[in-house]
Amino acid sequence: MKRIKLLLPITIIALVISISSCGFGDSNSKKLSLAKETITAFINADKAIPKTDIEVLSVSLVDDSTYKAVHTFTNTILKREMRIERMYFLVSDLHKCKKKKDLNVEMKSDGVWVATKK
């Protein structure tokens, strides 16, 4: 009986922790999904480079409102596929991009990704 009394609080604590961590995972997943939507919209709205076939390959959380993303597109002027890795700085509710910073810009040449000069 003493053993059951000792195990019961430990079991309850373990259950509470596991339920709590599941909830936080959903929250992070929702934030990541919202950030990806915002970044995709930002890329589509940027008319500096005429582009088609835009695809966001990855988005990862850096901190609460900063995300690193990699996307590809076809530059319609150069008729080449481009791949850009960027930091995106979003507003706190993740619905708007304040600024971006290019980390790596590459162009596909003969099937190989080649870094471009900044």
N, C-alpha and C. Protein backbone atom coordinates (compact mmCIF):
# COMPACT_ATOMS: atom_id res chain seq x y z
N MET A 1 0.82 -1.19 0.00
CA MET A 1 0.00 0.00 0.00
C MET A 1 0.86 1.26 0.00
N LYS A 2 1.96 1.24 0.79
CA LYS A 2 2.86 2.39 0.82
C LYS A 2 3.47 2.62 -0.56
N ARG A 3 3.77 1.53 -1.22
CA ARG A 3 4.39 1.63 -2.55
C ARG A 3 3.45 2.33 -3.54
N ILE A 4 2.18 2.00 -3.49
CA ILE A 4 1.18 2.61 -4.37
C ILE A 4 1.07 4.10 -4.06
N LYS A 5 1.07 4.45 -2.78
CA LYS A 5 0.97 5.85 -2.38
C LYS A 5 2.17 6.64 -2.89
N LEU A 6 3.34 6.02 -2.93
CA LEU A 6 4.54 6.69 -3.44
C LEU A 6 4.51 6.82 -4.96
N LEU A 7 4.04 5.80 -5.64
CA LEU A 7 4.04 5.81 -7.09
C LEU A 7 2.95 6.70 -7.68
N LEU A 8 1.86 6.87 -6.99
CA LEU A 8 0.75 7.67 -7.50
C LEU A 8 1.15 9.12 -7.78
N PRO A 9 1.79 9.85 -6.86
CA PRO A 9 2.20 11.22 -7.17
C PRO A 9 3.20 11.30 -8.32
N ILE A 10 4.12 10.34 -8.38
CA ILE A 10 5.11 10.33 -9.47
C ILE A 10 4.41 10.11 -10.80
N THR A 11 3.45 9.21 -10.82
CA THR A 11 2.70 8.93 -12.04
C THR A 11 1.91 10.16 -12.48
N ILE A 12 1.27 10.84 -11.54
CA ILE A 12 0.49 12.04 -11.87
C ILE A 12 1.41 13.14 -12.41
N ILE A 13 2.55 13.34 -11.80
CA ILE A 13 3.49 14.36 -12.27
C ILE A 13 3.97 14.03 -13.68
N ALA A 14 4.31 12.78 -13.93
CA ALA A 14 4.76 12.36 -15.26
C ALA A 14 3.67 12.59 -16.30
N LEU A 15 2.43 12.29 -15.93
CA LEU A 15 1.30 12.49 -16.84
C LEU A 15 1.10 13.97 -17.15
N VAL A 16 1.15 14.81 -16.15
CA VAL A 16 0.99 16.26 -16.35
C VAL A 16 2.10 16.80 -17.24
N ILE A 17 3.32 16.39 -17.02
CA ILE A 17 4.44 16.86 -17.84
C ILE A 17 4.28 16.41 -19.28
N SER A 18 3.89 15.18 -19.50
CA SER A 18 3.73 14.70 -20.87
C SER A 18 2.59 15.41 -21.60
N ILE A 19 1.51 15.67 -20.92
CA ILE A 19 0.39 16.40 -21.53
C ILE A 19 0.80 17.84 -21.84
N SER A 20 1.51 18.47 -20.91
CA SER A 20 1.96 19.85 -21.12
C SER A 20 2.90 19.95 -22.30
N SER A 21 3.83 19.02 -22.41
CA SER A 21 4.80 19.10 -23.51
C SER A 21 4.13 18.88 -24.86
N CYS A 22 3.08 18.07 -24.89
CA CYS A 22 2.34 17.89 -26.15
C CYS A 22 1.68 19.19 -26.57
N GLY A 23 1.13 19.91 -25.64
CA GLY A 23 0.48 21.18 -25.93
C GLY A 23 1.46 22.20 -26.47
N PHE A 24 2.66 22.27 -25.90
CA PHE A 24 3.66 23.21 -26.37
C PHE A 24 4.13 22.84 -27.77
N GLY A 25 4.21 21.56 -28.08
CA GLY A 25 4.61 21.13 -29.42
C GLY A 25 3.62 21.62 -30.45
N ASP A 26 2.32 21.54 -30.13
CA ASP A 26 1.30 22.03 -31.05
C ASP A 26 1.45 23.52 -31.27
N SER A 27 1.73 24.26 -30.20
CA SER A 27 1.89 25.70 -30.29
C SER A 27 3.07 26.06 -31.19
N ASN A 28 4.20 25.38 -31.02
CA ASN A 28 5.37 25.63 -31.86
C ASN A 28 5.08 25.26 -33.31
N SER A 29 4.36 24.19 -33.51
CA SER A 29 4.00 23.76 -34.86
C SER A 29 3.12 24.81 -35.54
N LYS A 30 2.18 25.37 -34.78
CA LYS A 30 1.30 26.41 -35.32
C LYS A 30 2.09 27.67 -35.66
N LYS A 31 3.03 28.05 -34.76
CA LYS A 31 3.85 29.23 -35.01
C LYS A 31 4.70 29.03 -36.26
N LEU A 32 5.28 27.84 -36.41
CA LEU A 32 6.12 27.54 -37.57
C LEU A 32 5.29 27.58 -38.85
N SER A 33 4.09 27.05 -38.78
CA SER A 33 3.19 27.07 -39.94
C SER A 33 2.81 28.50 -40.32
N LEU A 34 2.49 29.31 -39.31
CA LEU A 34 2.14 30.71 -39.56
C LEU A 34 3.33 31.48 -40.12
N ALA A 35 4.52 31.23 -39.57
CA ALA A 35 5.72 31.90 -40.06
C ALA A 35 5.98 31.51 -41.52
N LYS A 36 5.78 30.25 -41.86
CA LYS A 36 5.99 29.80 -43.25
C LYS A 36 5.00 30.49 -44.18
N GLU A 37 3.76 30.63 -43.76
CA GLU A 37 2.75 31.34 -44.57
C GLU A 37 3.17 32.80 -44.79
N THR A 38 3.61 33.45 -43.72
CA THR A 38 4.02 34.86 -43.81
C THR A 38 5.24 35.01 -44.72
N ILE A 39 6.21 34.14 -44.57
CA ILE A 39 7.42 34.19 -45.40
C ILE A 39 7.08 33.93 -46.86
N THR A 40 6.23 32.96 -47.12
CA THR A 40 5.81 32.66 -48.49
C THR A 40 5.11 33.86 -49.12
N ALA A 41 4.22 34.50 -48.37
CA ALA A 41 3.53 35.69 -48.87
C ALA A 41 4.51 36.82 -49.14
N PHE A 42 5.49 36.98 -48.26
CA PHE A 42 6.51 38.02 -48.43
C PHE A 42 7.32 37.78 -49.70
N ILE A 43 7.72 36.54 -49.93
CA ILE A 43 8.49 36.19 -51.13
C ILE A 43 7.66 36.46 -52.38
N ASN A 44 6.40 36.05 -52.36
CA ASN A 44 5.51 36.26 -53.52
C ASN A 44 5.27 37.74 -53.80
N ALA A 45 5.23 38.56 -52.75
CA ALA A 45 4.96 39.99 -52.92
C ALA A 45 6.20 40.77 -53.38
N ASP A 46 7.38 40.21 -53.17
CA ASP A 46 8.62 40.89 -53.54
C ASP A 46 8.78 40.86 -55.07
N LYS A 47 8.62 42.01 -55.69
CA LYS A 47 8.67 42.10 -57.16
C LYS A 47 10.03 42.55 -57.68
N ALA A 48 11.05 42.61 -56.81
CA ALA A 48 12.38 43.06 -57.24
C ALA A 48 12.96 42.13 -58.31
N ILE A 49 12.70 40.84 -58.19
CA ILE A 49 13.18 39.87 -59.18
C ILE A 49 11.97 39.13 -59.73
N PRO A 50 11.76 39.20 -61.07
CA PRO A 50 10.66 38.43 -61.64
C PRO A 50 10.92 36.94 -61.44
N LYS A 51 9.95 36.22 -60.87
CA LYS A 51 10.19 34.82 -60.55
C LYS A 51 8.95 33.97 -60.72
N THR A 52 9.18 32.70 -60.95
CA THR A 52 8.11 31.71 -61.02
C THR A 52 8.56 30.47 -60.23
N ASP A 53 7.67 29.53 -60.09
CA ASP A 53 7.98 28.25 -59.44
C ASP A 53 8.58 28.42 -58.05
N ILE A 54 8.01 29.30 -57.25
CA ILE A 54 8.51 29.55 -55.90
C ILE A 54 8.16 28.36 -55.00
N GLU A 55 9.17 27.88 -54.26
CA GLU A 55 8.94 26.80 -53.31
C GLU A 55 9.76 27.06 -52.04
N VAL A 56 9.08 27.11 -50.92
CA VAL A 56 9.77 27.25 -49.64
C VAL A 56 10.15 25.84 -49.20
N LEU A 57 11.45 25.57 -49.14
CA LEU A 57 11.94 24.23 -48.83
C LEU A 57 11.98 23.94 -47.34
N SER A 58 12.36 24.95 -46.56
CA SER A 58 12.45 24.74 -45.11
C SER A 58 12.31 26.06 -44.37
N VAL A 59 11.77 25.97 -43.17
CA VAL A 59 11.66 27.11 -42.26
C VAL A 59 12.02 26.58 -40.87
N SER A 60 12.94 27.28 -40.20
CA SER A 60 13.31 26.86 -38.84
C SER A 60 13.32 28.07 -37.92
N LEU A 61 12.95 27.81 -36.69
CA LEU A 61 12.86 28.84 -35.67
C LEU A 61 14.25 29.18 -35.15
N VAL A 62 14.57 30.49 -35.12
CA VAL A 62 15.82 30.96 -34.53
C VAL A 62 15.53 31.49 -33.13
N ASP A 63 14.54 32.38 -33.04
CA ASP A 63 14.02 32.84 -31.75
C ASP A 63 12.55 33.19 -31.94
N ASP A 64 11.93 33.86 -30.99
CA ASP A 64 10.48 34.08 -31.03
C ASP A 64 9.95 34.67 -32.33
N SER A 65 10.70 35.58 -32.94
CA SER A 65 10.19 36.22 -34.15
C SER A 65 11.20 36.20 -35.30
N THR A 66 12.24 35.41 -35.18
CA THR A 66 13.24 35.30 -36.23
C THR A 66 13.26 33.87 -36.76
N TYR A 67 13.22 33.75 -38.08
CA TYR A 67 13.18 32.43 -38.71
C TYR A 67 14.20 32.38 -39.83
N LYS A 68 14.78 31.20 -40.02
CA LYS A 68 15.68 30.97 -41.15
C LYS A 68 14.92 30.10 -42.14
N ALA A 69 14.95 30.51 -43.42
CA ALA A 69 14.21 29.78 -44.43
C ALA A 69 15.06 29.62 -45.68
N VAL A 70 14.78 28.56 -46.41
CA VAL A 70 15.42 28.32 -47.70
C VAL A 70 14.30 28.19 -48.72
N HIS A 71 14.44 28.92 -49.83
CA HIS A 71 13.45 28.79 -50.89
C HIS A 71 14.13 28.79 -52.25
N THR A 72 13.42 28.22 -53.21
CA THR A 72 13.91 28.19 -54.59
C THR A 72 12.88 28.86 -55.49
N PHE A 73 13.34 29.31 -56.62
CA PHE A 73 12.47 29.89 -57.64
C PHE A 73 13.24 29.94 -58.96
N THR A 74 12.52 30.18 -60.03
CA THR A 74 13.15 30.38 -61.33
C THR A 74 13.16 31.87 -61.62
N ASN A 75 14.35 32.41 -61.83
CA ASN A 75 14.51 33.81 -62.21
C ASN A 75 14.16 33.89 -63.69
N THR A 76 13.07 34.60 -64.00
CA THR A 76 12.58 34.61 -65.39
C THR A 76 13.44 35.46 -66.33
N ILE A 77 14.24 36.36 -65.77
CA ILE A 77 15.15 37.15 -66.62
C ILE A 77 16.36 36.30 -67.01
N LEU A 78 16.96 35.66 -66.03
CA LEU A 78 18.15 34.84 -66.27
C LEU A 78 17.80 33.44 -66.76
N LYS A 79 16.53 33.06 -66.57
CA LYS A 79 16.08 31.72 -66.90
C LYS A 79 16.91 30.66 -66.19
N ARG A 80 17.16 30.92 -64.90
CA ARG A 80 17.94 30.01 -64.06
C ARG A 80 17.20 29.79 -62.74
N GLU A 81 17.43 28.61 -62.18
CA GLU A 81 16.86 28.31 -60.87
C GLU A 81 17.77 28.91 -59.80
N MET A 82 17.16 29.54 -58.81
CA MET A 82 17.89 30.18 -57.72
C MET A 82 17.49 29.51 -56.41
N ARG A 83 18.44 29.49 -55.46
CA ARG A 83 18.15 29.01 -54.10
C ARG A 83 18.70 30.05 -53.13
N ILE A 84 17.84 30.51 -52.23
CA ILE A 84 18.23 31.55 -51.28
C ILE A 84 17.95 31.07 -49.86
N GLU A 85 18.95 31.25 -49.01
CA GLU A 85 18.80 31.01 -47.57
C GLU A 85 18.79 32.38 -46.91
N ARG A 86 17.75 32.66 -46.13
CA ARG A 86 17.58 33.98 -45.53
C ARG A 86 17.14 33.89 -44.08
N MET A 87 17.44 34.97 -43.37
CA MET A 87 16.86 35.21 -42.05
C MET A 87 15.68 36.15 -42.28
N TYR A 88 14.56 35.82 -41.70
CA TYR A 88 13.37 36.67 -41.77
C TYR A 88 13.05 37.14 -40.36
N PHE A 89 12.89 38.44 -40.21
CA PHE A 89 12.57 39.05 -38.93
C PHE A 89 11.10 39.47 -38.98
N LEU A 90 10.26 38.75 -38.25
CA LEU A 90 8.82 38.98 -38.29
C LEU A 90 8.37 39.80 -37.09
N VAL A 91 7.19 40.44 -37.22
CA VAL A 91 6.61 41.13 -36.07
C VAL A 91 6.18 40.06 -35.06
N SER A 92 5.92 40.47 -33.84
CA SER A 92 5.68 39.50 -32.76
C SER A 92 4.50 38.55 -33.01
N ASP A 93 3.47 39.00 -33.74
CA ASP A 93 2.34 38.10 -34.00
C ASP A 93 2.55 37.24 -35.25
N LEU A 94 3.73 37.39 -35.88
CA LEU A 94 4.17 36.59 -37.04
C LEU A 94 3.37 36.82 -38.31
N HIS A 95 2.59 37.90 -38.38
CA HIS A 95 1.76 38.15 -39.56
C HIS A 95 2.42 39.08 -40.58
N LYS A 96 3.59 39.61 -40.28
CA LYS A 96 4.25 40.54 -41.19
C LYS A 96 5.76 40.43 -41.04
N CYS A 97 6.46 40.60 -42.15
CA CYS A 97 7.91 40.55 -42.15
C CYS A 97 8.45 41.97 -42.05
N LYS A 98 9.30 42.23 -41.03
CA LYS A 98 9.91 43.56 -40.85
C LYS A 98 11.10 43.73 -41.79
N LYS A 99 11.94 42.71 -41.85
CA LYS A 99 13.10 42.78 -42.75
C LYS A 99 13.63 41.38 -42.99
N LYS A 100 14.54 41.30 -43.96
CA LYS A 100 15.17 40.04 -44.31
C LYS A 100 16.66 40.25 -44.46
N LYS A 101 17.40 39.16 -44.33
CA LYS A 101 18.86 39.23 -44.53
C LYS A 101 19.28 37.98 -45.27
N ASP A 102 19.86 38.17 -46.46
CA ASP A 102 20.34 37.04 -47.23
C ASP A 102 21.56 36.43 -46.55
N LEU A 103 21.54 35.10 -46.42
CA LEU A 103 22.67 34.38 -45.86
C LEU A 103 23.48 33.69 -46.96
N ASN A 104 22.76 33.13 -47.93
CA ASN A 104 23.41 32.39 -49.00
C ASN A 104 22.52 32.46 -50.24
N VAL A 105 23.11 32.86 -51.37
CA VAL A 105 22.38 32.95 -52.63
C VAL A 105 23.11 32.09 -53.64
N GLU A 106 22.37 31.15 -54.24
CA GLU A 106 22.99 30.24 -55.20
C GLU A 106 22.16 30.19 -56.48
N MET A 107 22.84 29.87 -57.57
CA MET A 107 22.20 29.73 -58.88
C MET A 107 22.59 28.36 -59.43
N LYS A 108 21.63 27.69 -60.02
CA LYS A 108 21.93 26.37 -60.58
C LYS A 108 22.54 26.56 -61.96
N SER A 109 23.70 25.95 -62.15
CA SER A 109 24.41 26.02 -63.42
C SER A 109 24.85 24.61 -63.79
N ASP A 110 24.37 24.12 -64.91
CA ASP A 110 24.67 22.76 -65.36
C ASP A 110 24.34 21.72 -64.28
N GLY A 111 23.21 21.92 -63.59
CA GLY A 111 22.74 20.97 -62.59
C GLY A 111 23.41 21.07 -61.23
N VAL A 112 24.31 22.05 -61.06
CA VAL A 112 25.05 22.19 -59.81
C VAL A 112 24.76 23.55 -59.21
N TRP A 113 24.55 23.61 -57.88
CA TRP A 113 24.33 24.89 -57.19
C TRP A 113 25.67 25.60 -57.04
N VAL A 114 25.72 26.85 -57.52
CA VAL A 114 26.92 27.66 -57.46
C VAL A 114 26.61 28.94 -56.69
N ALA A 115 27.46 29.26 -55.69
CA ALA A 115 27.26 30.48 -54.90
C ALA A 115 27.45 31.69 -55.77
N THR A 116 26.58 32.69 -55.59
CA THR A 116 26.73 33.95 -56.32
C THR A 116 27.42 34.94 -55.41
N LYS A 117 28.02 35.95 -56.02
CA LYS A 117 28.70 36.99 -55.24
C LYS A 117 27.66 37.93 -54.65
N LYS A 118 27.93 38.36 -53.43
CA LYS A 118 27.00 39.31 -52.78
C LYS A 118 27.41 40.71 -53.07
